[in-house]
């Protein structure tokens, strides 16, 4: 039987939470109400992450054991105070996507079964020029979070050598995300090229542990620097997002000093609110300095390998190599 709806006062809004006792995470008995209340507790720093960014909602309407889907268009029946931004997909089609501007949007979305928020790396005034460079460190089979930490340390060195400062966070799983605030002076293609240049330099310095190989058969037991997360319409879960893991882990912002001393399972919907209250937001200063990517583009241009494959759902891009698994490639394959 469905439980009676409750209402929460959030800022100047009243947010209705339907079926609050529904269990979303059976392994720990975590209910929908607890997830919504978690989001209310972290709404202030999370809104800083999401504000004015087109945001895809990853929804688990049947809880973590159900099928998740990405809500890329504003849901029907959204309140008038849920603002939107128009974005364009690689196909050329456009959509109006949720664009958070106030804290009540966060629990409203959570009531819809949203676990993680996936903001675009752009702001509403200019949705074609990213203001955030994102690097996704994805441990491959045979590697783990500790390996990602080692690669992140070298990534930090490469960023520093190029005059940039990155801000790390756990992905909520075994990976690490590093964010860099940049001037919105370059388009998605340029920013993706900058990430490729950066990733290749990390790979050059620690080839036994880091890889930029797009094809899984070539990665080996290394940490993959996923450059295609910088492509248009590719997003990563935001800081403070609950992830679809059995224990309701959270993507946690960290300082570089903290990164080597944590376990990603340390951060979940029960522990993070207290950590925020006691330690503050490790990414509070991310907007204090804005960087250029000129030197990263020079790294990309200086590498003879040139362009890398795009995700399979993209149209063929200029200069892109064969979009076929190397072991299956033939000389005449396009």
C-alpha atoms as a PDB file:
ATOM      1  CA  UNK A   1       0.000   0.000   0.000  1.00  0.00           C
ATOM      2  CA  UNK A   2       1.268   3.448  -0.893  1.00  0.00           C
ATOM      3  CA  UNK A   3       2.169   5.678   2.037  1.00  0.00           C
ATOM      4  CA  UNK A   4       0.552   9.071   2.483  1.00  0.00           C
ATOM      5  CA  UNK A   5       2.246  11.981   0.719  1.00  0.00           C
ATOM      6  CA  UNK A   6       4.067  14.580   2.790  1.00  0.00           C
ATOM      7  CA  UNK A   7       4.958  18.196   2.101  1.00  0.00           C
ATOM      8  CA  UNK A   8       8.322  19.839   2.693  1.00  0.00           C
ATOM      9  CA  UNK A   9       8.961  23.571   2.872  1.00  0.00           C
ATOM     10  CA  UNK A  10      12.081  24.307   0.843  1.00  0.00           C
ATOM     11  CA  UNK A  11      13.028  27.944   0.494  1.00  0.00           C
ATOM     12  CA  UNK A  12       9.877  29.725  -0.633  1.00  0.00           C
ATOM     13  CA  UNK A  13       8.332  26.577  -2.111  1.00  0.00           C
ATOM     14  CA  UNK A  14       6.322  23.653  -0.890  1.00  0.00           C
ATOM     15  CA  UNK A  15       7.485  20.374  -2.367  1.00  0.00           C
ATOM     16  CA  UNK A  16       5.175  17.372  -2.294  1.00  0.00           C
ATOM     17  CA  UNK A  17       6.770  13.975  -1.709  1.00  0.00           C
ATOM     18  CA  UNK A  18       4.564  11.109  -2.839  1.00  0.00           C
ATOM     19  CA  UNK A  19       4.835   7.633  -1.320  1.00  0.00           C
ATOM     20  CA  UNK A  20       7.663   8.666   1.050  1.00  0.00           C
ATOM     21  CA  UNK A  21       8.017   5.235   2.703  1.00  0.00           C
ATOM     22  CA  UNK A  22       8.756   3.448  -0.551  1.00  0.00           C
ATOM     23  CA  UNK A  23      12.054   1.574  -0.209  1.00  0.00           C
ATOM     24  CA  UNK A  24      14.560   2.775  -2.788  1.00  0.00           C
ATOM     25  CA  UNK A  25      17.660   0.902  -1.551  1.00  0.00           C
ATOM     26  CA  UNK A  26      16.540  -2.515  -0.211  1.00  0.00           C
ATOM     27  CA  UNK A  27      19.984  -3.612   0.979  1.00  0.00           C
ATOM     28  CA  UNK A  28      19.996  -0.819   3.561  1.00  0.00           C
ATOM     29  CA  UNK A  29      16.277  -0.133   3.834  1.00  0.00           C
ATOM     30  CA  UNK A  30      16.663   3.431   2.582  1.00  0.00           C
ATOM     31  CA  UNK A  31      13.364   5.065   1.676  1.00  0.00           C
ATOM     32  CA  UNK A  32      12.379   7.686  -0.828  1.00  0.00           C
ATOM     33  CA  UNK A  33      11.841  10.152   2.021  1.00  0.00           C
ATOM     34  CA  UNK A  34      15.407   9.644   3.225  1.00  0.00           C
ATOM     35  CA  UNK A  35      16.767  10.304  -0.260  1.00  0.00           C
ATOM     36  CA  UNK A  36      14.702  13.497  -0.580  1.00  0.00           C
ATOM     37  CA  UNK A  37      15.776  14.638   2.893  1.00  0.00           C
ATOM     38  CA  UNK A  38      19.398  13.963   1.979  1.00  0.00           C
ATOM     39  CA  UNK A  39      19.020  16.252  -1.009  1.00  0.00           C
ATOM     40  CA  UNK A  40      17.480  18.979   1.118  1.00  0.00           C
ATOM     41  CA  UNK A  41      20.522  18.764   3.423  1.00  0.00           C
ATOM     42  CA  UNK A  42      23.010  19.276   0.561  1.00  0.00           C
ATOM     43  CA  UNK A  43      20.843  21.531  -1.605  1.00  0.00           C
ATOM     44  CA  UNK A  44      22.952  24.655  -1.093  1.00  0.00           C
ATOM     45  CA  UNK A  45      26.293  23.346  -2.433  1.00  0.00           C
ATOM     46  CA  UNK A  46      24.505  21.199  -5.008  1.00  0.00           C
ATOM     47  CA  UNK A  47      22.650  24.215  -6.389  1.00  0.00           C
ATOM     48  CA  UNK A  48      26.012  25.933  -6.774  1.00  0.00           C
ATOM     49  CA  UNK A  49      27.058  23.015  -8.991  1.00  0.00           C
ATOM     50  CA  UNK A  50      23.817  22.955 -11.002  1.00  0.00           C
ATOM     51  CA  UNK A  51      22.757  26.592 -11.161  1.00  0.00           C
ATOM     52  CA  UNK A  52      21.946  27.749 -14.704  1.00  0.00           C
ATOM     53  CA  UNK A  53      23.214  24.464 -16.165  1.00  0.00           C
ATOM     54  CA  UNK A  54      20.985  22.316 -18.391  1.00  0.00           C
ATOM     55  CA  UNK A  55      20.663  19.169 -16.298  1.00  0.00           C
ATOM     56  CA  UNK A  56      19.714  15.624 -17.249  1.00  0.00           C
ATOM     57  CA  UNK A  57      17.937  13.707 -14.496  1.00  0.00           C
ATOM     58  CA  UNK A  58      18.866  10.051 -14.020  1.00  0.00           C
ATOM     59  CA  UNK A  59      15.660   8.588 -12.636  1.00  0.00           C
ATOM     60  CA  UNK A  60      15.110   5.331 -10.759  1.00  0.00           C
ATOM     61  CA  UNK A  61      11.339   5.382 -10.354  1.00  0.00           C
ATOM     62  CA  UNK A  62      11.341   1.802  -9.004  1.00  0.00           C
ATOM     63  CA  UNK A  63      14.381   2.272  -6.797  1.00  0.00           C
ATOM     64  CA  UNK A  64      17.930   1.070  -7.281  1.00  0.00           C
ATOM     65  CA  UNK A  65      16.870  -2.446  -8.294  1.00  0.00           C
ATOM     66  CA  UNK A  66      14.675  -1.120 -11.104  1.00  0.00           C
ATOM     67  CA  UNK A  67      15.488   0.155 -14.579  1.00  0.00           C
ATOM     68  CA  UNK A  68      16.996   3.657 -14.664  1.00  0.00           C
ATOM     69  CA  UNK A  69      16.526   6.146 -17.486  1.00  0.00           C
ATOM     70  CA  UNK A  70      17.858   9.588 -18.394  1.00  0.00           C
ATOM     71  CA  UNK A  71      15.258  12.370 -18.475  1.00  0.00           C
ATOM     72  CA  UNK A  72      16.643  14.789 -21.049  1.00  0.00           C
ATOM     73  CA  UNK A  73      13.504  16.887 -21.462  1.00  0.00           C
ATOM     74  CA  UNK A  74      11.675  18.737 -18.729  1.00  0.00           C
ATOM     75  CA  UNK A  75       9.035  16.331 -17.335  1.00  0.00           C
ATOM     76  CA  UNK A  76       5.392  17.035 -18.108  1.00  0.00           C
ATOM     77  CA  UNK A  77       3.587  18.740 -15.261  1.00  0.00           C
ATOM     78  CA  UNK A  78       6.714  20.425 -13.872  1.00  0.00           C
ATOM     79  CA  UNK A  79       5.915  23.484 -11.718  1.00  0.00           C
ATOM     80  CA  UNK A  80       6.247  26.888 -13.380  1.00  0.00           C
ATOM     81  CA  UNK A  81       9.237  27.698 -11.156  1.00  0.00           C
ATOM     82  CA  UNK A  82      11.262  24.835 -12.680  1.00  0.00           C
ATOM     83  CA  UNK A  83      13.151  26.763 -15.336  1.00  0.00           C
ATOM     84  CA  UNK A  84      14.588  25.311 -18.527  1.00  0.00           C
ATOM     85  CA  UNK A  85      17.380  25.791 -21.043  1.00  0.00           C
ATOM     86  CA  UNK A  86      17.332  24.776 -24.685  1.00  0.00           C
ATOM     87  CA  UNK A  87      20.143  22.452 -25.683  1.00  0.00           C
ATOM     88  CA  UNK A  88      21.053  20.826 -28.985  1.00  0.00           C
ATOM     89  CA  UNK A  89      21.989  17.176 -29.343  1.00  0.00           C
ATOM     90  CA  UNK A  90      24.701  15.914 -31.732  1.00  0.00           C
ATOM     91  CA  UNK A  91      21.883  14.884 -34.101  1.00  0.00           C
ATOM     92  CA  UNK A  92      20.863  18.534 -34.414  1.00  0.00           C
ATOM     93  CA  UNK A  93      17.589  18.034 -32.552  1.00  0.00           C
ATOM     94  CA  UNK A  94      16.851  20.410 -29.683  1.00  0.00           C
ATOM     95  CA  UNK A  95      15.210  19.982 -26.293  1.00  0.00           C
ATOM     96  CA  UNK A  96      14.192  22.042 -23.295  1.00  0.00           C
ATOM     97  CA  UNK A  97      16.016  20.586 -20.306  1.00  0.00           C
ATOM     98  CA  UNK A  98      15.654  21.297 -16.586  1.00  0.00           C
ATOM     99  CA  UNK A  99      17.887  24.227 -15.584  1.00  0.00           C
ATOM    100  CA  UNK A 100      18.000  24.601 -11.788  1.00  0.00           C
ATOM    101  CA  UNK A 101      17.879  28.136 -10.423  1.00  0.00           C
ATOM    102  CA  UNK A 102      16.627  27.548  -6.868  1.00  0.00           C
ATOM    103  CA  UNK A 103      17.025  24.888  -4.204  1.00  0.00           C
ATOM    104  CA  UNK A 104      13.436  23.588  -4.366  1.00  0.00           C
ATOM    105  CA  UNK A 105      14.157  22.131  -7.814  1.00  0.00           C
ATOM    106  CA  UNK A 106      16.470  19.582  -6.179  1.00  0.00           C
ATOM    107  CA  UNK A 107      13.940  17.846  -3.878  1.00  0.00           C
ATOM    108  CA  UNK A 108      11.261  18.253  -6.579  1.00  0.00           C
ATOM    109  CA  UNK A 109      13.465  16.233  -8.943  1.00  0.00           C
ATOM    110  CA  UNK A 110      14.308  13.754  -6.190  1.00  0.00           C
ATOM    111  CA  UNK A 111      10.593  13.117  -5.679  1.00  0.00           C
ATOM    112  CA  UNK A 112      10.496  11.973  -9.312  1.00  0.00           C
ATOM    113  CA  UNK A 113      13.003   9.245  -8.497  1.00  0.00           C
ATOM    114  CA  UNK A 114      16.078  11.213  -9.514  1.00  0.00           C
ATOM    115  CA  UNK A 115      19.190   9.783  -7.873  1.00  0.00           C
ATOM    116  CA  UNK A 116      21.914  11.586  -9.794  1.00  0.00           C
ATOM    117  CA  UNK A 117      21.966  14.952 -11.501  1.00  0.00           C
ATOM    118  CA  UNK A 118      23.929  15.190 -14.755  1.00  0.00           C
ATOM    119  CA  UNK A 119      24.599  18.849 -15.551  1.00  0.00           C
ATOM    120  CA  UNK A 120      26.027  19.942 -18.879  1.00  0.00           C
ATOM    121  CA  UNK A 121      29.407  21.746 -18.637  1.00  0.00           C
ATOM    122  CA  UNK A 122      27.751  24.946 -19.879  1.00  0.00           C
ATOM    123  CA  UNK A 123      25.596  27.745 -18.492  1.00  0.00           C
ATOM    124  CA  UNK A 124      22.255  28.884 -19.899  1.00  0.00           C
ATOM    125  CA  UNK A 125      23.528  32.169 -21.419  1.00  0.00           C
ATOM    126  CA  UNK A 126      25.857  30.212 -23.729  1.00  0.00           C
ATOM    127  CA  UNK A 127      25.078  26.518 -24.134  1.00  0.00           C
ATOM    128  CA  UNK A 128      27.588  25.945 -26.934  1.00  0.00           C
ATOM    129  CA  UNK A 129      30.774  26.898 -25.061  1.00  0.00           C
ATOM    130  CA  UNK A 130      31.713  24.865 -21.958  1.00  0.00           C
ATOM    131  CA  UNK A 131      32.962  26.633 -18.845  1.00  0.00           C
ATOM    132  CA  UNK A 132      34.068  23.390 -17.204  1.00  0.00           C
ATOM    133  CA  UNK A 133      36.658  20.880 -18.371  1.00  0.00           C
ATOM    134  CA  UNK A 134      35.964  17.428 -16.952  1.00  0.00           C
ATOM    135  CA  UNK A 135      38.255  14.425 -16.766  1.00  0.00           C
ATOM    136  CA  UNK A 136      36.744  11.023 -15.973  1.00  0.00           C
ATOM    137  CA  UNK A 137      39.188   8.440 -14.567  1.00  0.00           C
ATOM    138  CA  UNK A 138      37.588   5.043 -15.086  1.00  0.00           C
ATOM    139  CA  UNK A 139      39.371   2.008 -13.564  1.00  0.00           C
ATOM    140  CA  UNK A 140      39.252  -0.994 -15.893  1.00  0.00           C
ATOM    141  CA  UNK A 141      38.967  -4.630 -14.749  1.00  0.00           C
ATOM    142  CA  UNK A 142      42.005  -5.505 -12.685  1.00  0.00           C
ATOM    143  CA  UNK A 143      42.355  -1.965 -11.334  1.00  0.00           C
ATOM    144  CA  UNK A 144      40.575  -0.132  -8.542  1.00  0.00           C
ATOM    145  CA  UNK A 145      40.101   3.210  -6.803  1.00  0.00           C
ATOM    146  CA  UNK A 146      43.677   3.243  -5.480  1.00  0.00           C
ATOM    147  CA  UNK A 147      44.950   3.038  -9.058  1.00  0.00           C
ATOM    148  CA  UNK A 148      42.675   5.897 -10.055  1.00  0.00           C
ATOM    149  CA  UNK A 149      44.151   7.929  -7.191  1.00  0.00           C
ATOM    150  CA  UNK A 150      47.663   7.364  -8.572  1.00  0.00           C
ATOM    151  CA  UNK A 151      46.604   8.474 -12.051  1.00  0.00           C
ATOM    152  CA  UNK A 152      44.792  11.474 -10.594  1.00  0.00           C
ATOM    153  CA  UNK A 153      48.035  12.532  -8.908  1.00  0.00           C
ATOM    154  CA  UNK A 154      49.838  12.582 -12.257  1.00  0.00           C
ATOM    155  CA  UNK A 155      46.872  14.370 -13.824  1.00  0.00           C
ATOM    156  CA  UNK A 156      47.225  17.031 -11.147  1.00  0.00           C
ATOM    157  CA  UNK A 157      50.899  17.440 -12.059  1.00  0.00           C
ATOM    158  CA  UNK A 158      50.097  17.835 -15.763  1.00  0.00           C
ATOM    159  CA  UNK A 159      47.412  20.398 -14.977  1.00  0.00           C
ATOM    160  CA  UNK A 160      49.835  22.345 -12.787  1.00  0.00           C
ATOM    161  CA  UNK A 161      52.530  22.223 -15.489  1.00  0.00           C
ATOM    162  CA  UNK A 162      49.999  23.875 -17.787  1.00  0.00           C
ATOM    163  CA  UNK A 163      48.895  26.493 -15.270  1.00  0.00           C
ATOM    164  CA  UNK A 164      45.549  24.916 -14.378  1.00  0.00           C
ATOM    165  CA  UNK A 165      43.977  23.865 -11.084  1.00  0.00           C
ATOM    166  CA  UNK A 166      41.673  20.863 -10.866  1.00  0.00           C
ATOM    167  CA  UNK A 167      39.148  19.858  -8.226  1.00  0.00           C
ATOM    168  CA  UNK A 168      38.732  16.096  -7.604  1.00  0.00           C
ATOM    169  CA  UNK A 169      35.701  14.164  -6.462  1.00  0.00           C
ATOM    170  CA  UNK A 170      34.759  10.534  -6.132  1.00  0.00           C
ATOM    171  CA  UNK A 171      32.463   9.291  -8.867  1.00  0.00           C
ATOM    172  CA  UNK A 172      30.409   7.403  -6.307  1.00  0.00           C
ATOM    173  CA  UNK A 173      31.897   4.158  -7.626  1.00  0.00           C
ATOM    174  CA  UNK A 174      35.521   3.168  -8.216  1.00  0.00           C
ATOM    175  CA  UNK A 175      36.373   6.185 -10.364  1.00  0.00           C
ATOM    176  CA  UNK A 176      37.429   9.792  -9.914  1.00  0.00           C
ATOM    177  CA  UNK A 177      36.293  12.961 -11.662  1.00  0.00           C
ATOM    178  CA  UNK A 178      38.475  16.069 -11.889  1.00  0.00           C
ATOM    179  CA  UNK A 179      36.904  19.426 -12.747  1.00  0.00           C
ATOM    180  CA  UNK A 180      38.622  22.559 -14.059  1.00  0.00           C
ATOM    181  CA  UNK A 181      36.866  25.909 -14.445  1.00  0.00           C
ATOM    182  CA  UNK A 182      37.654  27.379 -17.884  1.00  0.00           C
ATOM    183  CA  UNK A 183      36.713  30.432 -19.898  1.00  0.00           C
ATOM    184  CA  UNK A 184      33.705  29.751 -22.163  1.00  0.00           C
ATOM    185  CA  UNK A 185      35.769  30.687 -25.203  1.00  0.00           C
ATOM    186  CA  UNK A 186      35.968  27.285 -26.889  1.00  0.00           C
ATOM    187  CA  UNK A 187      33.350  24.962 -28.350  1.00  0.00           C
ATOM    188  CA  UNK A 188      32.772  21.314 -27.438  1.00  0.00           C
ATOM    189  CA  UNK A 189      35.153  20.044 -30.098  1.00  0.00           C
ATOM    190  CA  UNK A 190      38.012  22.196 -28.804  1.00  0.00           C
ATOM    191  CA  UNK A 191      37.363  21.268 -25.169  1.00  0.00           C
ATOM    192  CA  UNK A 192      37.266  17.568 -26.066  1.00  0.00           C
ATOM    193  CA  UNK A 193      40.565  17.993 -27.907  1.00  0.00           C
ATOM    194  CA  UNK A 194      42.015  19.689 -24.820  1.00  0.00           C
ATOM    195  CA  UNK A 195      40.969  16.708 -22.695  1.00  0.00           C
ATOM    196  CA  UNK A 196      42.558  14.333 -25.233  1.00  0.00           C
ATOM    197  CA  UNK A 197      45.800  16.332 -25.127  1.00  0.00           C
ATOM    198  CA  UNK A 198      45.765  16.309 -21.333  1.00  0.00           C
ATOM    199  CA  UNK A 199      44.956  12.600 -21.135  1.00  0.00           C
ATOM    200  CA  UNK A 200      47.670  11.648 -23.617  1.00  0.00           C
ATOM    201  CA  UNK A 201      50.265  13.494 -21.571  1.00  0.00           C
ATOM    202  CA  UNK A 202      49.170  11.600 -18.445  1.00  0.00           C
ATOM    203  CA  UNK A 203      49.381   8.368 -20.437  1.00  0.00           C
ATOM    204  CA  UNK A 204      52.865   9.294 -21.672  1.00  0.00           C
ATOM    205  CA  UNK A 205      54.093   9.811 -18.106  1.00  0.00           C
ATOM    206  CA  UNK A 206      52.608   6.601 -16.655  1.00  0.00           C
ATOM    207  CA  UNK A 207      51.879   4.252 -19.590  1.00  0.00           C
ATOM    208  CA  UNK A 208      51.728   1.178 -17.368  1.00  0.00           C
ATOM    209  CA  UNK A 209      48.803   2.561 -15.366  1.00  0.00           C
ATOM    210  CA  UNK A 210      46.932   5.060 -17.596  1.00  0.00           C
ATOM    211  CA  UNK A 211      45.410   4.674 -21.047  1.00  0.00           C
ATOM    212  CA  UNK A 212      43.468   6.706 -23.595  1.00  0.00           C
ATOM    213  CA  UNK A 213      42.585   3.637 -25.696  1.00  0.00           C
ATOM    214  CA  UNK A 214      38.946   3.957 -26.755  1.00  0.00           C
ATOM    215  CA  UNK A 215      38.578   0.252 -27.537  1.00  0.00           C
ATOM    216  CA  UNK A 216      38.315  -1.939 -24.444  1.00  0.00           C
ATOM    217  CA  UNK A 217      40.429  -4.684 -25.997  1.00  0.00           C
ATOM    218  CA  UNK A 218      43.394  -2.287 -25.981  1.00  0.00           C
ATOM    219  CA  UNK A 219      43.077  -0.878 -22.458  1.00  0.00           C
ATOM    220  CA  UNK A 220      44.445  -3.748 -20.394  1.00  0.00           C
ATOM    221  CA  UNK A 221      44.574  -3.425 -16.614  1.00  0.00           C
ATOM    222  CA  UNK A 222      44.884   0.342 -16.628  1.00  0.00           C
ATOM    223  CA  UNK A 223      42.813   3.382 -15.731  1.00  0.00           C
ATOM    224  CA  UNK A 224      40.993   4.777 -18.757  1.00  0.00           C
ATOM    225  CA  UNK A 225      40.890   8.563 -19.157  1.00  0.00           C
ATOM    226  CA  UNK A 226      37.510   8.849 -20.835  1.00  0.00           C
ATOM    227  CA  UNK A 227      37.937  11.815 -23.187  1.00  0.00           C
ATOM    228  CA  UNK A 228      34.505  11.274 -24.734  1.00  0.00           C
ATOM    229  CA  UNK A 229      32.830  12.471 -21.562  1.00  0.00           C
ATOM    230  CA  UNK A 230      33.816  15.901 -22.902  1.00  0.00           C
ATOM    231  CA  UNK A 231      31.749  15.421 -26.079  1.00  0.00           C
ATOM    232  CA  UNK A 232      28.481  17.310 -26.531  1.00  0.00           C
ATOM    233  CA  UNK A 233      25.579  15.720 -24.623  1.00  0.00           C
ATOM    234  CA  UNK A 234      27.914  13.531 -22.561  1.00  0.00           C
ATOM    235  CA  UNK A 235      27.688  14.268 -18.847  1.00  0.00           C
ATOM    236  CA  UNK A 236      28.933  12.918 -15.531  1.00  0.00           C
ATOM    237  CA  UNK A 237      27.084  12.706 -12.242  1.00  0.00           C
ATOM    238  CA  UNK A 238      27.474  15.942 -10.311  1.00  0.00           C
ATOM    239  CA  UNK A 239      29.134  16.379  -6.961  1.00  0.00           C
ATOM    240  CA  UNK A 240      26.701  15.495  -4.132  1.00  0.00           C
ATOM    241  CA  UNK A 241      24.697  13.164  -6.408  1.00  0.00           C
ATOM    242  CA  UNK A 242      23.416   9.882  -5.025  1.00  0.00           C
ATOM    243  CA  UNK A 243      24.540   7.004  -7.230  1.00  0.00           C
ATOM    244  CA  UNK A 244      22.634   3.879  -8.172  1.00  0.00           C
ATOM    245  CA  UNK A 245      24.717   1.587  -5.959  1.00  0.00           C
ATOM    246  CA  UNK A 246      23.290  -0.820  -3.366  1.00  0.00           C
ATOM    247  CA  UNK A 247      24.587   1.304  -0.463  1.00  0.00           C
ATOM    248  CA  UNK A 248      23.487   4.704  -1.868  1.00  0.00           C
ATOM    249  CA  UNK A 249      26.974   6.112  -2.259  1.00  0.00           C
ATOM    250  CA  UNK A 250      27.482   9.782  -3.097  1.00  0.00           C
ATOM    251  CA  UNK A 251      29.837  11.542  -5.514  1.00  0.00           C
ATOM    252  CA  UNK A 252      31.873  13.462  -2.948  1.00  0.00           C
ATOM    253  CA  UNK A 253      33.926  16.631  -3.538  1.00  0.00           C
ATOM    254  CA  UNK A 254      37.387  16.315  -1.991  1.00  0.00           C
ATOM    255  CA  UNK A 255      40.642  18.186  -1.632  1.00  0.00           C
ATOM    256  CA  UNK A 256      43.727  16.662  -3.204  1.00  0.00           C
ATOM    257  CA  UNK A 257      45.103  15.897   0.260  1.00  0.00           C
ATOM    258  CA  UNK A 258      41.956  13.967   1.164  1.00  0.00           C
ATOM    259  CA  UNK A 259      41.863  11.939  -2.045  1.00  0.00           C
ATOM    260  CA  UNK A 260      44.598   9.476  -1.092  1.00  0.00           C
ATOM    261  CA  UNK A 261      43.139   8.745   2.344  1.00  0.00           C
ATOM    262  CA  UNK A 262      39.535   7.839   1.563  1.00  0.00           C
ATOM    263  CA  UNK A 263      37.456   4.897   0.428  1.00  0.00           C
ATOM    264  CA  UNK A 264      34.594   5.832  -1.944  1.00  0.00           C
ATOM    265  CA  UNK A 265      32.233   3.771   0.214  1.00  0.00           C
ATOM    266  CA  UNK A 266      32.904   6.232   3.045  1.00  0.00           C
ATOM    267  CA  UNK A 267      30.450   8.617   1.380  1.00  0.00           C
ATOM    268  CA  UNK A 268      26.734   7.847   1.352  1.00  0.00           C
ATOM    269  CA  UNK A 269      23.465   9.585   2.132  1.00  0.00           C
ATOM    270  CA  UNK A 270      23.979   9.035   5.864  1.00  0.00           C
ATOM    271  CA  UNK A 271      27.588  10.230   6.205  1.00  0.00           C
ATOM    272  CA  UNK A 272      27.792  13.095   3.720  1.00  0.00           C
ATOM    273  CA  UNK A 273      25.455  15.606   5.444  1.00  0.00           C
ATOM    274  CA  UNK A 274      27.541  15.437   8.628  1.00  0.00           C
ATOM    275  CA  UNK A 275      30.777  15.730   6.648  1.00  0.00           C
ATOM    276  CA  UNK A 276      29.414  18.796   4.865  1.00  0.00           C
ATOM    277  CA  UNK A 277      28.439  20.358   8.190  1.00  0.00           C
ATOM    278  CA  UNK A 278      31.811  19.663   9.799  1.00  0.00           C
ATOM    279  CA  UNK A 279      34.221  20.157   6.876  1.00  0.00           C
ATOM    280  CA  UNK A 280      32.382  22.398   4.423  1.00  0.00           C
ATOM    281  CA  UNK A 281      32.465  22.119   0.657  1.00  0.00           C
ATOM    282  CA  UNK A 282      35.887  21.104  -0.690  1.00  0.00           C
ATOM    283  CA  UNK A 283      34.992  22.732  -4.035  1.00  0.00           C
ATOM    284  CA  UNK A 284      33.805  26.032  -2.583  1.00  0.00           C
ATOM    285  CA  UNK A 285      36.598  27.938  -4.366  1.00  0.00           C
ATOM    286  CA  UNK A 286      36.231  26.365  -7.803  1.00  0.00           C
ATOM    287  CA  UNK A 287      34.946  29.635  -9.278  1.00  0.00           C
ATOM    288  CA  UNK A 288      37.766  31.719  -7.782  1.00  0.00           C
ATOM    289  CA  UNK A 289      40.039  31.241 -10.814  1.00  0.00           C
ATOM    290  CA  UNK A 290      39.158  30.659 -14.460  1.00  0.00           C
ATOM    291  CA  UNK A 291      41.682  29.144 -16.860  1.00  0.00           C
ATOM    292  CA  UNK A 292      42.459  28.911 -20.541  1.00  0.00           C
ATOM    293  CA  UNK A 293      43.091  25.676 -22.417  1.00  0.00           C
ATOM    294  CA  UNK A 294      45.572  26.959 -25.002  1.00  0.00           C
ATOM    295  CA  UNK A 295      48.458  24.821 -23.764  1.00  0.00           C
ATOM    296  CA  UNK A 296      46.289  21.692 -23.686  1.00  0.00           C
ATOM    297  CA  UNK A 297      45.266  22.326 -27.275  1.00  0.00           C
ATOM    298  CA  UNK A 298      48.965  22.598 -28.123  1.00  0.00           C
ATOM    299  CA  UNK A 299      49.494  19.159 -26.545  1.00  0.00           C
ATOM    300  CA  UNK A 300      46.710  17.802 -28.730  1.00  0.00           C
ATOM    301  CA  UNK A 301      48.059  19.441 -31.895  1.00  0.00           C
ATOM    302  CA  UNK A 302      51.589  18.161 -31.276  1.00  0.00           C
ATOM    303  CA  UNK A 303      50.501  14.516 -31.147  1.00  0.00           C
ATOM    304  CA  UNK A 304      50.593  12.759 -34.519  1.00  0.00           C
ATOM    305  CA  UNK A 305      47.683  10.488 -33.581  1.00  0.00           C
ATOM    306  CA  UNK A 306      45.249  13.341 -34.134  1.00  0.00           C
ATOM    307  CA  UNK A 307      41.526  12.768 -33.684  1.00  0.00           C
ATOM    308  CA  UNK A 308      40.041   9.932 -31.616  1.00  0.00           C
ATOM    309  CA  UNK A 309      36.798   7.983 -32.173  1.00  0.00           C
ATOM    310  CA  UNK A 310      33.542   9.534 -31.007  1.00  0.00           C
ATOM    311  CA  UNK A 311      30.790   7.544 -29.264  1.00  0.00           C
ATOM    312  CA  UNK A 312      28.886   5.264 -31.654  1.00  0.00           C
ATOM    313  CA  UNK A 313      25.662   7.303 -31.641  1.00  0.00           C
ATOM    314  CA  UNK A 314      27.437  10.407 -32.989  1.00  0.00           C
ATOM    315  CA  UNK A 315      27.488  11.393 -36.648  1.00  0.00           C
ATOM    316  CA  UNK A 316      30.843  10.817 -38.322  1.00  0.00           C
ATOM    317  CA  UNK A 317      33.057  13.722 -37.233  1.00  0.00           C
ATOM    318  CA  UNK A 318      35.747  15.508 -39.270  1.00  0.00           C
ATOM    319  CA  UNK A 319      39.118  13.756 -39.076  1.00  0.00           C
ATOM    320  CA  UNK A 320      37.733  10.877 -37.040  1.00  0.00           C
ATOM    321  CA  UNK A 321      39.527   7.522 -37.512  1.00  0.00           C
ATOM    322  CA  UNK A 322      37.770   4.283 -38.370  1.00  0.00           C
ATOM    323  CA  UNK A 323      34.959   3.610 -35.956  1.00  0.00           C
ATOM    324  CA  UNK A 324      35.578  -0.117 -35.703  1.00  0.00           C
ATOM    325  CA  UNK A 325      37.152  -2.406 -33.133  1.00  0.00           C
ATOM    326  CA  UNK A 326      40.836  -2.845 -34.098  1.00  0.00           C
ATOM    327  CA  UNK A 327      40.690  -6.648 -34.032  1.00  0.00           C
ATOM    328  CA  UNK A 328      37.843  -6.537 -36.569  1.00  0.00           C
ATOM    329  CA  UNK A 329      39.187  -3.766 -38.772  1.00  0.00           C
ATOM    330  CA  UNK A 330      39.896  -4.375 -42.443  1.00  0.00           C
ATOM    331  CA  UNK A 331      41.922  -2.089 -44.702  1.00  0.00           C
ATOM    332  CA  UNK A 332      38.752  -1.090 -46.568  1.00  0.00           C
ATOM    333  CA  UNK A 333      36.633  -0.444 -43.449  1.00  0.00           C
ATOM    334  CA  UNK A 334      35.264   3.116 -43.155  1.00  0.00           C
END
